[in-house]
Amino acid sequence: MTTASTLQRVERACTDLHHAGHAVTFTAVAASTGLSRTTLYRNPSLRAVVDQHRHRSTTSGTLTSLTDELTTLRTALDALATRVRHHEEQLRRLRPRQH
């Protein structure tokens, strides 16, 4: 499960690399965040963020760029919805115990 702070660290690393004129790569993001490349590749939310930034610089303003961005947003939304469902299930299990 991806924490919000981990997602923010990856987002910040990608943004910083891009603004500094460096290529956004999984290796560079891993070095910047302290996460492993394996973690970045295997976690769908983190991978989507890195992929979005990688493609943004090469396809900025194109139809492909918009399609990639929509795919990234859909992946992030799916991951968030899964997390919300998980938290709702935890809350349902905790509520009967409080009475």
Protein backbone atom coordinates (compact mmCIF):
# COMPACT_ATOMS: atom_id res chain seq x y z
CA MET A 1 0.00 0.00 0.00
CA THR A 2 1.30 3.43 -0.91
CA THR A 3 1.27 6.14 1.71
CA ALA A 4 0.45 9.71 0.77
CA SER A 5 3.88 10.85 1.91
CA THR A 6 5.63 8.30 -0.32
CA LEU A 7 3.53 9.39 -3.28
CA GLN A 8 4.38 13.02 -2.54
CA ARG A 9 8.11 12.22 -2.29
CA VAL A 10 8.03 10.56 -5.70
CA GLU A 11 6.01 13.41 -7.20
CA ARG A 12 8.44 15.97 -5.75
CA ALA A 13 11.49 14.06 -7.00
CA CYS A 14 10.05 13.88 -10.52
CA THR A 15 9.19 17.58 -10.50
CA ASP A 16 12.63 18.54 -9.18
CA LEU A 17 14.40 16.41 -11.78
CA HIS A 18 12.31 17.92 -14.58
CA HIS A 19 12.86 21.51 -13.40
CA ALA A 20 16.60 20.89 -13.10
CA GLY A 21 16.68 19.70 -16.71
CA HIS A 22 17.50 16.11 -15.80
CA ALA A 23 15.81 13.10 -17.33
CA VAL A 24 13.11 11.58 -15.16
CA THR A 25 14.10 7.94 -14.89
CA PHE A 26 13.30 5.23 -12.40
CA THR A 27 16.97 5.18 -11.38
CA ALA A 28 17.06 8.95 -10.80
CA VAL A 29 13.80 8.95 -8.85
CA ALA A 30 14.96 5.99 -6.75
CA ALA A 31 18.22 7.78 -5.92
CA SER A 32 16.37 10.98 -5.05
CA THR A 33 13.74 9.36 -2.82
CA GLY A 34 15.71 6.53 -1.26
CA LEU A 35 13.19 4.02 -2.59
CA SER A 36 14.29 1.03 -4.63
CA ARG A 37 13.65 0.87 -8.35
CA THR A 38 11.77 -2.37 -7.71
CA THR A 39 9.36 -0.53 -5.41
CA LEU A 40 8.81 2.16 -8.04
CA TYR A 41 8.21 -0.42 -10.78
CA ARG A 42 5.95 -2.75 -8.81
CA ASN A 43 3.73 -0.19 -7.09
CA PRO A 44 1.08 0.91 -9.64
CA SER A 45 0.57 4.36 -8.11
CA LEU A 46 4.28 5.15 -7.92
CA ARG A 47 4.95 3.75 -11.36
CA ALA A 48 2.13 5.86 -12.81
CA VAL A 49 3.63 9.04 -11.35
CA VAL A 50 7.11 8.30 -12.72
CA ASP A 51 5.72 7.25 -16.11
CA GLN A 52 3.62 10.40 -16.31
CA HIS A 53 6.65 12.61 -15.71
CA ARG A 54 8.81 10.60 -18.10
CA HIS A 55 6.33 10.99 -20.93
CA ARG A 56 5.38 14.58 -20.14
CA SER A 57 8.72 15.99 -21.27
CA THR A 58 8.78 14.08 -24.56
CA THR A 59 5.13 14.36 -25.58
CA SER A 60 4.06 17.62 -24.02
CA GLY A 61 0.87 18.92 -25.62
CA THR A 62 0.21 15.98 -27.93
CA LEU A 63 -2.75 13.65 -28.09
CA THR A 64 -0.49 10.87 -26.83
CA SER A 65 0.40 13.02 -23.84
CA LEU A 66 -3.26 13.56 -22.99
CA THR A 67 -4.00 9.86 -23.37
CA ASP A 68 -1.07 8.98 -21.11
CA GLU A 69 -2.17 11.54 -18.55
CA LEU A 70 -5.71 10.14 -18.52
CA THR A 71 -4.34 6.63 -18.07
CA THR A 72 -2.15 7.82 -15.20
CA LEU A 73 -5.03 9.62 -13.54
CA ARG A 74 -7.28 6.58 -13.94
CA THR A 75 -4.63 4.36 -12.35
CA ALA A 76 -4.16 6.77 -9.45
CA LEU A 77 -7.92 7.05 -8.97
CA ASP A 78 -8.30 3.26 -8.95
CA ALA A 79 -5.55 2.96 -6.34
CA LEU A 80 -7.20 5.65 -4.21
CA ALA A 81 -10.62 3.98 -4.50
CA THR A 82 -9.09 0.68 -3.37
CA ARG A 83 -7.58 2.41 -0.36
CA VAL A 84 -10.86 4.07 0.55
CA ARG A 85 -12.70 0.73 0.33
CA HIS A 86 -10.05 -0.84 2.57
CA HIS A 87 -10.44 1.92 5.16
CA GLU A 88 -14.23 1.66 5.03
CA GLU A 89 -13.99 -2.08 5.70
CA GLN A 90 -11.74 -1.41 8.68
CA LEU A 91 -14.20 1.14 10.05
CA ARG A 92 -17.13 -1.28 9.66
CA ARG A 93 -15.22 -3.91 11.63
CA LEU A 94 -14.35 -1.45 14.39
CA ARG A 95 -17.81 0.08 14.87
CA PRO A 96 -19.56 -2.98 16.44
CA ARG A 97 -16.78 -3.21 19.03
CA GLN A 98 -17.36 0.36 20.22
CA HIS A 99 -20.95 -0.26 21.40
